[in-house]
Amino acid sequence: YLQIRSLRPEDTAAYYCAADTLSHFVGRNSGSPGAYDYWGQGTQVTVS
């Protein structure tokens, strides 16, 4: 899950979840899209 509070217009985007099946843990590398090997199709969030 991703709980988002105090939404701002700049949060408007397609949000994607991703799986890093080669790692149990998280760290600085977790910020790189290349660390993930599976992706969802995304869900759109639009903030007015």
All heavy atoms as atom14 arrays in JSON, in Angstrom:
{
  "sequence": "YLQIRSLRPEDTAAYYCAADTLSHFVGRNSGSPGAYDYWGQGTQVTVS",
  "atom14_mask": [
    [1, 1, 1, 1, 1, 1, 1, 1, 1, 1, 1, 1, 0, 0],
    [1, 1, 1, 1, 1, 1, 1, 1, 0, 0, 0, 0, 0, 0],
    [1, 1, 1, 1, 1, 1, 1, 1, 1, 0, 0, 0, 0, 0],
    [1, 1, 1, 1, 1, 1, 1, 1, 0, 0, 0, 0, 0, 0],
    [1, 1, 1, 1, 1, 1, 1, 1, 1, 1, 1, 0, 0, 0],
    [1, 1, 1, 1, 1, 1, 0, 0, 0, 0, 0, 0, 0, 0],
    [1, 1, 1, 1, 1, 1, 1, 1, 0, 0, 0, 0, 0, 0],
    [1, 1, 1, 1, 1, 1, 1, 1, 1, 1, 1, 0, 0, 0],
    [1, 1, 1, 1, 1, 1, 1, 0, 0, 0, 0, 0, 0, 0],
    [1, 1, 1, 1, 1, 1, 1, 1, 1, 0, 0, 0, 0, 0],
    [1, 1, 1, 1, 1, 1, 1, 1, 0, 0, 0, 0, 0, 0],
    [1, 1, 1, 1, 1, 1, 1, 0, 0, 0, 0, 0, 0, 0],
    [1, 1, 1, 1, 1, 0, 0, 0, 0, 0, 0, 0, 0, 0],
    [1, 1, 1, 1, 1, 0, 0, 0, 0, 0, 0, 0, 0, 0],
    [1, 1, 1, 1, 1, 1, 1, 1, 1, 1, 1, 1, 0, 0],
    [1, 1, 1, 1, 1, 1, 1, 1, 1, 1, 1, 1, 0, 0],
    [1, 1, 1, 1, 1, 1, 0, 0, 0, 0, 0, 0, 0, 0],
    [1, 1, 1, 1, 1, 0, 0, 0, 0, 0, 0, 0, 0, 0],
    [1, 1, 1, 1, 1, 0, 0, 0, 0, 0, 0, 0, 0, 0],
    [1, 1, 1, 1, 1, 1, 1, 1, 0, 0, 0, 0, 0, 0],
    [1, 1, 1, 1, 1, 1, 1, 0, 0, 0, 0, 0, 0, 0],
    [1, 1, 1, 1, 1, 1, 1, 1, 0, 0, 0, 0, 0, 0],
    [1, 1, 1, 1, 1, 1, 0, 0, 0, 0, 0, 0, 0, 0],
    [1, 1, 1, 1, 1, 1, 1, 1, 1, 1, 0, 0, 0, 0],
    [1, 1, 1, 1, 1, 1, 1, 1, 1, 1, 1, 0, 0, 0],
    [1, 1, 1, 1, 1, 1, 1, 0, 0, 0, 0, 0, 0, 0],
    [1, 1, 1, 1, 0, 0, 0, 0, 0, 0, 0, 0, 0, 0],
    [1, 1, 1, 1, 1, 1, 1, 1, 1, 1, 1, 0, 0, 0],
    [1, 1, 1, 1, 1, 1, 1, 1, 0, 0, 0, 0, 0, 0],
    [1, 1, 1, 1, 1, 1, 0, 0, 0, 0, 0, 0, 0, 0],
    [1, 1, 1, 1, 0, 0, 0, 0, 0, 0, 0, 0, 0, 0],
    [1, 1, 1, 1, 1, 1, 0, 0, 0, 0, 0, 0, 0, 0],
    [1, 1, 1, 1, 1, 1, 1, 0, 0, 0, 0, 0, 0, 0],
    [1, 1, 1, 1, 0, 0, 0, 0, 0, 0, 0, 0, 0, 0],
    [1, 1, 1, 1, 1, 0, 0, 0, 0, 0, 0, 0, 0, 0],
    [1, 1, 1, 1, 1, 1, 1, 1, 1, 1, 1, 1, 0, 0],
    [1, 1, 1, 1, 1, 1, 1, 1, 0, 0, 0, 0, 0, 0],
    [1, 1, 1, 1, 1, 1, 1, 1, 1, 1, 1, 1, 0, 0],
    [1, 1, 1, 1, 1, 1, 1, 1, 1, 1, 1, 1, 1, 1],
    [1, 1, 1, 1, 0, 0, 0, 0, 0, 0, 0, 0, 0, 0],
    [1, 1, 1, 1, 1, 1, 1, 1, 1, 0, 0, 0, 0, 0],
    [1, 1, 1, 1, 0, 0, 0, 0, 0, 0, 0, 0, 0, 0],
    [1, 1, 1, 1, 1, 1, 1, 0, 0, 0, 0, 0, 0, 0],
    [1, 1, 1, 1, 1, 1, 1, 1, 1, 0, 0, 0, 0, 0],
    [1, 1, 1, 1, 1, 1, 1, 0, 0, 0, 0, 0, 0, 0],
    [1, 1, 1, 1, 1, 1, 1, 0, 0, 0, 0, 0, 0, 0],
    [1, 1, 1, 1, 1, 1, 1, 0, 0, 0, 0, 0, 0, 0],
    [1, 1, 1, 1, 1, 1, 0, 0, 0, 0, 0, 0, 0, 0]
  ],
  "atom14_positions": [
    [[0.83, -1.2, 0.0], [0.0, 0.0, 0.0], [0.87, 1.25, 0.0], [2.01, 1.25, 0.47], [-0.89, 0.03, 1.25], [-1.76, -1.18, 1.41], [-1.37, -2.23, 2.24], [-2.98, -1.28, 0.74], [-2.17, -3.35, 2.41], [-3.78, -2.4, 0.9], [-3.37, -3.43, 1.73], [-4.17, -4.53, 1.89], [0.0, 0.0, 0.0], [0.0, 0.0, 0.0]],
    [[0.28, 2.33, -0.51], [0.91, 3.64, -0.4], [-0.16, 4.61, 0.07], [-1.1, 4.93, -0.67], [1.49, 4.1, -1.74], [2.27, 5.4, -1.68], [3.57, 5.21, -0.88], [2.59, 5.93, -3.08], [0.0, 0.0, 0.0], [0.0, 0.0, 0.0], [0.0, 0.0, 0.0], [0.0, 0.0, 0.0], [0.0, 0.0, 0.0], [0.0, 0.0, 0.0]],
    [[-0.04, 5.03, 1.32], [-0.96, 6.02, 1.88], [-0.41, 7.4, 1.58], [0.76, 7.69, 1.9], [-1.11, 5.83, 3.38], [-2.03, 6.83, 4.05], [-3.49, 6.59, 3.72], [-3.97, 5.45, 3.77], [-4.21, 7.66, 3.38], [0.0, 0.0, 0.0], [0.0, 0.0, 0.0], [0.0, 0.0, 0.0], [0.0, 0.0, 0.0], [0.0, 0.0, 0.0]],
    [[-1.22, 8.24, 0.97], [-0.79, 9.59, 0.61], [-1.69, 10.6, 1.31], [-2.91, 10.56, 1.14], [-0.84, 9.83, -0.91], [-0.15, 8.71, -1.67], [-0.21, 11.16, -1.26], [-0.31, 8.8, -3.17], [0.0, 0.0, 0.0], [0.0, 0.0, 0.0], [0.0, 0.0, 0.0], [0.0, 0.0, 0.0], [0.0, 0.0, 0.0], [0.0, 0.0, 0.0]],
    [[-1.08, 11.49, 2.07], [-1.85, 12.51, 2.78], [-1.47, 13.89, 2.27], [-0.43, 14.09, 1.64], [-1.55, 12.41, 4.27], [-2.04, 11.15, 4.93], [-1.63, 11.1, 6.4], [-0.19, 11.0, 6.56], [0.46, 9.84, 6.55], [-0.19, 8.71, 6.39], [1.77, 9.83, 6.72], [0.0, 0.0, 0.0], [0.0, 0.0, 0.0], [0.0, 0.0, 0.0]],
    [[-2.31, 14.86, 2.57], [-2.05, 16.26, 2.2], [-1.63, 16.36, 0.74], [-0.58, 16.94, 0.42], [-0.96, 16.85, 3.12], [-1.34, 16.78, 4.47], [0.0, 0.0, 0.0], [0.0, 0.0, 0.0], [0.0, 0.0, 0.0], [0.0, 0.0, 0.0], [0.0, 0.0, 0.0], [0.0, 0.0, 0.0], [0.0, 0.0, 0.0], [0.0, 0.0, 0.0]],
    [[-2.44, 15.81, -0.12], [-2.11, 15.78, -1.54], [-1.94, 17.19, -2.1], [-2.67, 18.12, -1.72], [-3.18, 15.03, -2.31], [-3.01, 13.52, -2.29], [-4.34, 12.82, -2.55], [-1.97, 13.1, -3.32], [0.0, 0.0, 0.0], [0.0, 0.0, 0.0], [0.0, 0.0, 0.0], [0.0, 0.0, 0.0], [0.0, 0.0, 0.0], [0.0, 0.0, 0.0]],
    [[-1.01, 17.31, -3.01], [-0.69, 18.57, -3.67], [-0.84, 18.4, -5.18], [-0.68, 17.29, -5.7], [0.75, 18.97, -3.36], [1.07, 19.07, -1.88], [2.56, 19.16, -1.66], [2.9, 19.25, -0.24], [4.14, 19.15, 0.23], [5.16, 18.96, -0.59], [4.36, 19.24, 1.53], [0.0, 0.0, 0.0], [0.0, 0.0, 0.0], [0.0, 0.0, 0.0]],
    [[-1.1, 19.47, -5.9], [-1.19, 19.33, -7.37], [0.05, 18.7, -7.99], [-0.05, 17.96, -8.98], [-1.39, 20.78, -7.83], [-2.09, 21.43, -6.69], [-1.5, 20.81, -5.45], [0.0, 0.0, 0.0], [0.0, 0.0, 0.0], [0.0, 0.0, 0.0], [0.0, 0.0, 0.0], [0.0, 0.0, 0.0], [0.0, 0.0, 0.0], [0.0, 0.0, 0.0]],
    [[1.2, 18.95, -7.4], [2.44, 18.39, -7.96], [2.56, 16.89, -7.72], [3.48, 16.25, -8.24], [3.67, 19.1, -7.4], [3.75, 19.17, -5.89], [3.21, 20.48, -5.33], [2.19, 20.98, -5.86], [3.81, 20.98, -4.35], [0.0, 0.0, 0.0], [0.0, 0.0, 0.0], [0.0, 0.0, 0.0], [0.0, 0.0, 0.0], [0.0, 0.0, 0.0]],
    [[1.65, 16.31, -6.95], [1.62, 14.85, -6.78], [0.91, 14.17, -7.95], [0.89, 12.94, -8.02], [0.92, 14.47, -5.48], [1.67, 14.92, -4.24], [2.91, 14.84, -4.24], [1.0, 15.34, -3.27], [0.0, 0.0, 0.0], [0.0, 0.0, 0.0], [0.0, 0.0, 0.0], [0.0, 0.0, 0.0], [0.0, 0.0, 0.0], [0.0, 0.0, 0.0]],
    [[0.31, 14.96, -8.82], [-0.38, 14.39, -9.98], [0.59, 13.6, -10.84], [1.63, 14.12, -11.28], [-1.03, 15.51, -10.81], [-2.06, 16.13, -10.03], [-1.62, 14.96, -12.09], [0.0, 0.0, 0.0], [0.0, 0.0, 0.0], [0.0, 0.0, 0.0], [0.0, 0.0, 0.0], [0.0, 0.0, 0.0], [0.0, 0.0, 0.0], [0.0, 0.0, 0.0]],
    [[0.27, 12.33, -11.05], [1.15, 11.44, -11.8], [0.5, 10.07, -11.91], [-0.48, 9.78, -11.22], [2.51, 11.3, -11.1], [0.0, 0.0, 0.0], [0.0, 0.0, 0.0], [0.0, 0.0, 0.0], [0.0, 0.0, 0.0], [0.0, 0.0, 0.0], [0.0, 0.0, 0.0], [0.0, 0.0, 0.0], [0.0, 0.0, 0.0], [0.0, 0.0, 0.0]],
    [[1.06, 9.25, -12.76], [0.75, 7.83, -12.75], [1.66, 7.18, -11.72], [2.87, 7.43, -11.72], [0.97, 7.22, -14.12], [0.0, 0.0, 0.0], [0.0, 0.0, 0.0], [0.0, 0.0, 0.0], [0.0, 0.0, 0.0], [0.0, 0.0, 0.0], [0.0, 0.0, 0.0], [0.0, 0.0, 0.0], [0.0, 0.0, 0.0], [0.0, 0.0, 0.0]],
    [[1.07, 6.39, -10.85], [1.82, 5.73, -9.78], [1.97, 4.24, -10.11], [0.97, 3.57, -10.43], [1.12, 5.91, -8.45], [1.32, 7.3, -7.88], [0.7, 8.4, -8.45], [2.16, 7.51, -6.79], [0.91, 9.69, -7.95], [2.37, 8.79, -6.28], [1.74, 9.87, -6.87], [1.96, 11.14, -6.37], [0.0, 0.0, 0.0], [0.0, 0.0, 0.0]],
    [[3.19, 3.77, -10.02], [3.52, 2.39, -10.36], [4.11, 1.67, -9.16], [4.95, 2.22, -8.45], [4.55, 2.35, -11.48], [4.11, 3.0, -12.77], [4.32, 4.36, -12.97], [3.5, 2.26, -13.77], [3.93, 4.97, -14.15], [3.1, 2.86, -14.96], [3.32, 4.21, -15.14], [2.92, 4.8, -16.31], [0.0, 0.0, 0.0], [0.0, 0.0, 0.0]],
    [[3.7, 0.42, -8.97], [4.41, -0.4, -8.0], [5.37, -1.31, -8.76], [5.18, -1.58, -9.96], [3.46, -1.21, -7.13], [2.54, -2.51, -7.98], [0.0, 0.0, 0.0], [0.0, 0.0, 0.0], [0.0, 0.0, 0.0], [0.0, 0.0, 0.0], [0.0, 0.0, 0.0], [0.0, 0.0, 0.0], [0.0, 0.0, 0.0], [0.0, 0.0, 0.0]],
    [[6.39, -1.73, -8.06], [7.43, -2.54, -8.67], [7.97, -3.54, -7.66], [7.97, -3.28, -6.46], [8.56, -1.64, -9.17], [0.0, 0.0, 0.0], [0.0, 0.0, 0.0], [0.0, 0.0, 0.0], [0.0, 0.0, 0.0], [0.0, 0.0, 0.0], [0.0, 0.0, 0.0], [0.0, 0.0, 0.0], [0.0, 0.0, 0.0], [0.0, 0.0, 0.0]],
    [[8.42, -4.67, -8.18], [8.96, -5.74, -7.34], [10.45, -5.92, -7.61], [10.87, -6.0, -8.77], [8.22, -7.05, -7.62], [0.0, 0.0, 0.0], [0.0, 0.0, 0.0], [0.0, 0.0, 0.0], [0.0, 0.0, 0.0], [0.0, 0.0, 0.0], [0.0, 0.0, 0.0], [0.0, 0.0, 0.0], [0.0, 0.0, 0.0], [0.0, 0.0, 0.0]],
    [[11.21, -5.97, -6.53], [12.64, -6.28, -6.61], [12.81, -7.69, -6.08], [13.11, -7.9, -4.9], [13.42, -5.27, -5.78], [14.92, -5.55, -5.78], [15.35, -6.51, -6.46], [15.65, -4.83, -5.08], [0.0, 0.0, 0.0], [0.0, 0.0, 0.0], [0.0, 0.0, 0.0], [0.0, 0.0, 0.0], [0.0, 0.0, 0.0], [0.0, 0.0, 0.0]],
    [[12.63, -8.66, -6.95], [12.62, -10.06, -6.51], [14.01, -10.58, -6.16], [14.14, -11.69, -5.65], [11.96, -10.97, -7.56], [12.74, -10.95, -8.75], [10.54, -10.54, -7.85], [0.0, 0.0, 0.0], [0.0, 0.0, 0.0], [0.0, 0.0, 0.0], [0.0, 0.0, 0.0], [0.0, 0.0, 0.0], [0.0, 0.0, 0.0], [0.0, 0.0, 0.0]],
    [[15.03, -9.79, -6.42], [16.4, -10.22, -6.11], [16.85, -9.72, -4.76], [17.99, -10.0, -4.35], [17.35, -9.73, -7.2], [17.04, -10.25, -8.61], [18.06, -9.71, -9.6], [17.01, -11.77, -8.63], [0.0, 0.0, 0.0], [0.0, 0.0, 0.0], [0.0, 0.0, 0.0], [0.0, 0.0, 0.0], [0.0, 0.0, 0.0], [0.0, 0.0, 0.0]],
    [[16.01, -8.98, -4.06], [16.42, -8.4, -2.79], [15.33, -8.51, -1.75], [14.15, -8.33, -2.04], [16.81, -6.93, -2.98], [17.19, -6.36, -1.74], [0.0, 0.0, 0.0], [0.0, 0.0, 0.0], [0.0, 0.0, 0.0], [0.0, 0.0, 0.0], [0.0, 0.0, 0.0], [0.0, 0.0, 0.0], [0.0, 0.0, 0.0], [0.0, 0.0, 0.0]],
    [[15.76, -8.8, -0.51], [14.82, -8.77, 0.61], [14.72, -7.38, 1.23], [13.71, -7.03, 1.83], [15.29, -9.72, 1.71], [15.35, -11.15, 1.3], [14.27, -11.83, 0.81], [16.37, -12.03, 1.32], [14.62, -13.07, 0.54], [15.89, -13.22, 0.84], [0.0, 0.0, 0.0], [0.0, 0.0, 0.0], [0.0, 0.0, 0.0], [0.0, 0.0, 0.0]],
    [[15.81, -6.62, 1.11], [15.94, -5.39, 1.88], [15.86, -4.15, 1.0], [15.75, -4.25, -0.22], [17.25, -5.42, 2.65], [17.41, -6.65, 3.5], [18.3, -7.64, 3.15], [16.65, -6.82, 4.65], [18.43, -8.79, 3.92], [16.77, -7.95, 5.43], [17.66, -8.93, 5.07], [0.0, 0.0, 0.0], [0.0, 0.0, 0.0], [0.0, 0.0, 0.0]],
    [[15.9, -2.99, 1.65], [15.88, -1.72, 0.9], [17.04, -0.87, 1.34], [17.59, -1.02, 2.42], [14.55, -0.95, 1.12], [13.37, -1.76, 0.58], [14.34, -0.61, 2.6], [0.0, 0.0, 0.0], [0.0, 0.0, 0.0], [0.0, 0.0, 0.0], [0.0, 0.0, 0.0], [0.0, 0.0, 0.0], [0.0, 0.0, 0.0], [0.0, 0.0, 0.0]],
    [[17.42, 0.05, 0.45], [18.52, 0.96, 0.71], [18.58, 1.96, -0.42], [17.62, 2.14, -1.16], [0.0, 0.0, 0.0], [0.0, 0.0, 0.0], [0.0, 0.0, 0.0], [0.0, 0.0, 0.0], [0.0, 0.0, 0.0], [0.0, 0.0, 0.0], [0.0, 0.0, 0.0], [0.0, 0.0, 0.0], [0.0, 0.0, 0.0], [0.0, 0.0, 0.0]],
    [[19.74, 2.59, -0.59], [19.87, 3.61, -1.62], [19.57, 3.07, -3.0], [19.0, 3.76, -3.85], [21.27, 4.21, -1.58], [21.51, 5.1, -0.38], [22.84, 5.8, -0.48], [23.05, 6.7, 0.65], [24.12, 7.45, 0.81], [25.09, 7.41, -0.1], [24.23, 8.23, 1.86], [0.0, 0.0, 0.0], [0.0, 0.0, 0.0], [0.0, 0.0, 0.0]],
    [[19.94, 1.85, -3.27], [19.68, 1.26, -4.6], [18.19, 1.14, -4.88], [17.78, 1.06, -6.04], [20.33, -0.1, -4.72], [21.84, 0.0, -4.86], [22.36, 1.07, -5.21], [22.53, -1.1, -4.59], [0.0, 0.0, 0.0], [0.0, 0.0, 0.0], [0.0, 0.0, 0.0], [0.0, 0.0, 0.0], [0.0, 0.0, 0.0], [0.0, 0.0, 0.0]],
    [[17.38, 1.15, -3.83], [15.94, 1.0, -4.01], [15.34, 2.18, -4.75], [14.21, 2.09, -5.23], [15.25, 0.85, -2.65], [15.73, -0.27, -1.96], [0.0, 0.0, 0.0], [0.0, 0.0, 0.0], [0.0, 0.0, 0.0], [0.0, 0.0, 0.0], [0.0, 0.0, 0.0], [0.0, 0.0, 0.0], [0.0, 0.0, 0.0], [0.0, 0.0, 0.0]],
    [[16.06, 3.27, -4.82], [15.57, 4.45, -5.52], [15.77, 4.4, -7.02], [15.27, 5.28, -7.74], [0.0, 0.0, 0.0], [0.0, 0.0, 0.0], [0.0, 0.0, 0.0], [0.0, 0.0, 0.0], [0.0, 0.0, 0.0], [0.0, 0.0, 0.0], [0.0, 0.0, 0.0], [0.0, 0.0, 0.0], [0.0, 0.0, 0.0], [0.0, 0.0, 0.0]],
    [[16.42, 3.39, -7.5], [16.7, 3.28, -8.94], [15.71, 2.34, -9.61], [15.51, 1.21, -9.15], [18.1, 2.73, -9.15], [18.3, 2.41, -10.52], [0.0, 0.0, 0.0], [0.0, 0.0, 0.0], [0.0, 0.0, 0.0], [0.0, 0.0, 0.0], [0.0, 0.0, 0.0], [0.0, 0.0, 0.0], [0.0, 0.0, 0.0], [0.0, 0.0, 0.0]],
    [[15.06, 2.78, -10.69], [14.14, 1.88, -11.4], [14.81, 0.59, -11.84], [14.17, -0.46, -11.92], [13.68, 2.72, -12.6], [13.85, 4.13, -12.17], [15.06, 4.13, -11.29], [0.0, 0.0, 0.0], [0.0, 0.0, 0.0], [0.0, 0.0, 0.0], [0.0, 0.0, 0.0], [0.0, 0.0, 0.0], [0.0, 0.0, 0.0], [0.0, 0.0, 0.0]],
    [[16.1, 0.66, -12.11], [16.82, -0.52, -12.56], [16.93, -1.63, -11.52], [17.28, -2.76, -11.87], [0.0, 0.0, 0.0], [0.0, 0.0, 0.0], [0.0, 0.0, 0.0], [0.0, 0.0, 0.0], [0.0, 0.0, 0.0], [0.0, 0.0, 0.0], [0.0, 0.0, 0.0], [0.0, 0.0, 0.0], [0.0, 0.0, 0.0], [0.0, 0.0, 0.0]],
    [[16.63, -1.3, -10.26], [16.7, -2.31, -9.21], [15.51, -3.25, -9.23], [15.52, -4.28, -8.57], [16.77, -1.63, -7.85], [0.0, 0.0, 0.0], [0.0, 0.0, 0.0], [0.0, 0.0, 0.0], [0.0, 0.0, 0.0], [0.0, 0.0, 0.0], [0.0, 0.0, 0.0], [0.0, 0.0, 0.0], [0.0, 0.0, 0.0], [0.0, 0.0, 0.0]],
    [[14.49, -2.92, -10.0], [13.24, -3.66, -10.0], [13.07, -4.45, -11.29], [13.39, -3.95, -12.37], [12.06, -2.7, -9.8], [12.16, -1.97, -8.48], [12.92, -0.81, -8.37], [11.53, -2.46, -7.34], [13.06, -0.15, -7.16], [11.65, -1.8, -6.13], [12.42, -0.66, -6.04], [12.54, -0.01, -4.84], [0.0, 0.0, 0.0], [0.0, 0.0, 0.0]],
    [[12.55, -5.65, -11.16], [12.42, -6.49, -12.34], [10.98, -6.72, -12.79], [10.77, -7.29, -13.87], [13.15, -7.83, -12.14], [12.92, -8.45, -10.79], [12.3, -7.82, -9.91], [13.36, -9.6, -10.6], [0.0, 0.0, 0.0], [0.0, 0.0, 0.0], [0.0, 0.0, 0.0], [0.0, 0.0, 0.0], [0.0, 0.0, 0.0], [0.0, 0.0, 0.0]],
    [[10.02, -6.29, -12.01], [8.62, -6.39, -12.43], [7.89, -5.11, -12.09], [8.14, -4.51, -11.02], [7.93, -7.58, -11.75], [8.48, -8.91, -12.17], [9.46, -9.55, -11.41], [8.05, -9.53, -13.34], [10.0, -10.76, -11.8], [8.58, -10.74, -13.73], [9.54, -11.35, -12.96], [10.07, -12.55, -13.36], [0.0, 0.0, 0.0], [0.0, 0.0, 0.0]],
    [[6.99, -4.72, -12.97], [6.25, -3.47, -12.82], [4.76, -3.69, -13.09], [4.38, -4.52, -13.91], [6.76, -2.44, -13.83], [8.16, -1.99, -13.55], [9.31, -2.62, -13.91], [8.54, -0.82, -12.83], [10.4, -1.91, -13.46], [9.96, -0.79, -12.8], [7.85, 0.23, -12.22], [10.68, 0.23, -12.17], [8.56, 1.24, -11.61], [9.96, 1.22, -11.59]],
    [[3.96, -2.89, -12.4], [2.54, -2.86, -12.7], [2.25, -1.88, -13.83], [3.16, -1.24, -14.36], [0.0, 0.0, 0.0], [0.0, 0.0, 0.0], [0.0, 0.0, 0.0], [0.0, 0.0, 0.0], [0.0, 0.0, 0.0], [0.0, 0.0, 0.0], [0.0, 0.0, 0.0], [0.0, 0.0, 0.0], [0.0, 0.0, 0.0], [0.0, 0.0, 0.0]],
    [[0.98, -1.79, -14.17], [0.55, -0.91, -15.26], [0.3, 0.52, -14.81], [0.16, 1.41, -15.65], [-0.72, -1.49, -15.91], [-0.49, -2.8, -16.62], [0.51, -2.67, -17.74], [0.36, -1.83, -18.63], [1.55, -3.49, -17.71], [0.0, 0.0, 0.0], [0.0, 0.0, 0.0], [0.0, 0.0, 0.0], [0.0, 0.0, 0.0], [0.0, 0.0, 0.0]],
    [[0.21, 0.73, -13.53], [0.05, 2.08, -13.01], [-1.38, 2.44, -12.7], [-2.33, 1.88, -13.25], [0.0, 0.0, 0.0], [0.0, 0.0, 0.0], [0.0, 0.0, 0.0], [0.0, 0.0, 0.0], [0.0, 0.0, 0.0], [0.0, 0.0, 0.0], [0.0, 0.0, 0.0], [0.0, 0.0, 0.0], [0.0, 0.0, 0.0], [0.0, 0.0, 0.0]],
    [[-1.54, 3.38, -11.79], [-2.84, 3.95, -11.46], [-2.68, 5.47, -11.41], [-1.71, 5.98, -10.86], [-3.38, 3.39, -10.13], [-4.71, 3.86, -9.91], [-2.51, 3.75, -8.94], [0.0, 0.0, 0.0], [0.0, 0.0, 0.0], [0.0, 0.0, 0.0], [0.0, 0.0, 0.0], [0.0, 0.0, 0.0], [0.0, 0.0, 0.0], [0.0, 0.0, 0.0]],
    [[-3.61, 6.18, -12.02], [-3.49, 7.62, -12.15], [-4.02, 8.34, -10.91], [-5.12, 8.05, -10.43], [-4.27, 8.1, -13.38], [-4.22, 9.6, -13.6], [-2.83, 10.1, -13.97], [-2.08, 9.42, -14.66], [-2.49, 11.3, -13.5], [0.0, 0.0, 0.0], [0.0, 0.0, 0.0], [0.0, 0.0, 0.0], [0.0, 0.0, 0.0], [0.0, 0.0, 0.0]],
    [[-3.22, 9.27, -10.44], [-3.63, 10.16, -9.35], [-3.62, 11.58, -9.9], [-2.59, 12.05, -10.42], [-2.69, 10.06, -8.15], [-3.03, 11.13, -7.12], [-2.76, 8.67, -7.53], [0.0, 0.0, 0.0], [0.0, 0.0, 0.0], [0.0, 0.0, 0.0], [0.0, 0.0, 0.0], [0.0, 0.0, 0.0], [0.0, 0.0, 0.0], [0.0, 0.0, 0.0]],
    [[-4.75, 12.25, -9.8], [-4.87, 13.63, -10.25], [-5.36, 14.49, -9.09], [-6.39, 14.19, -8.49], [-5.84, 13.75, -11.43], [-5.39, 12.9, -12.49], [-5.89, 15.19, -11.94], [0.0, 0.0, 0.0], [0.0, 0.0, 0.0], [0.0, 0.0, 0.0], [0.0, 0.0, 0.0], [0.0, 0.0, 0.0], [0.0, 0.0, 0.0], [0.0, 0.0, 0.0]],
    [[-4.6, 15.53, -8.79], [-4.92, 16.39, -7.65], [-5.3, 17.77, -8.19], [-4.52, 18.42, -8.89], [-3.72, 16.52, -6.7], [-4.12, 17.36, -5.48], [-3.23, 15.15, -6.27], [0.0, 0.0, 0.0], [0.0, 0.0, 0.0], [0.0, 0.0, 0.0], [0.0, 0.0, 0.0], [0.0, 0.0, 0.0], [0.0, 0.0, 0.0], [0.0, 0.0, 0.0]],
    [[-6.51, 18.18, -7.87], [-6.97, 19.48, -8.32], [-6.72, 20.53, -7.24], [-6.8, 20.25, -6.05], [-8.46, 19.43, -8.64], [-9.2, 19.1, -7.48], [0.0, 0.0, 0.0], [0.0, 0.0, 0.0], [0.0, 0.0, 0.0], [0.0, 0.0, 0.0], [0.0, 0.0, 0.0], [0.0, 0.0, 0.0], [0.0, 0.0, 0.0], [0.0, 0.0, 0.0]]
  ]
}
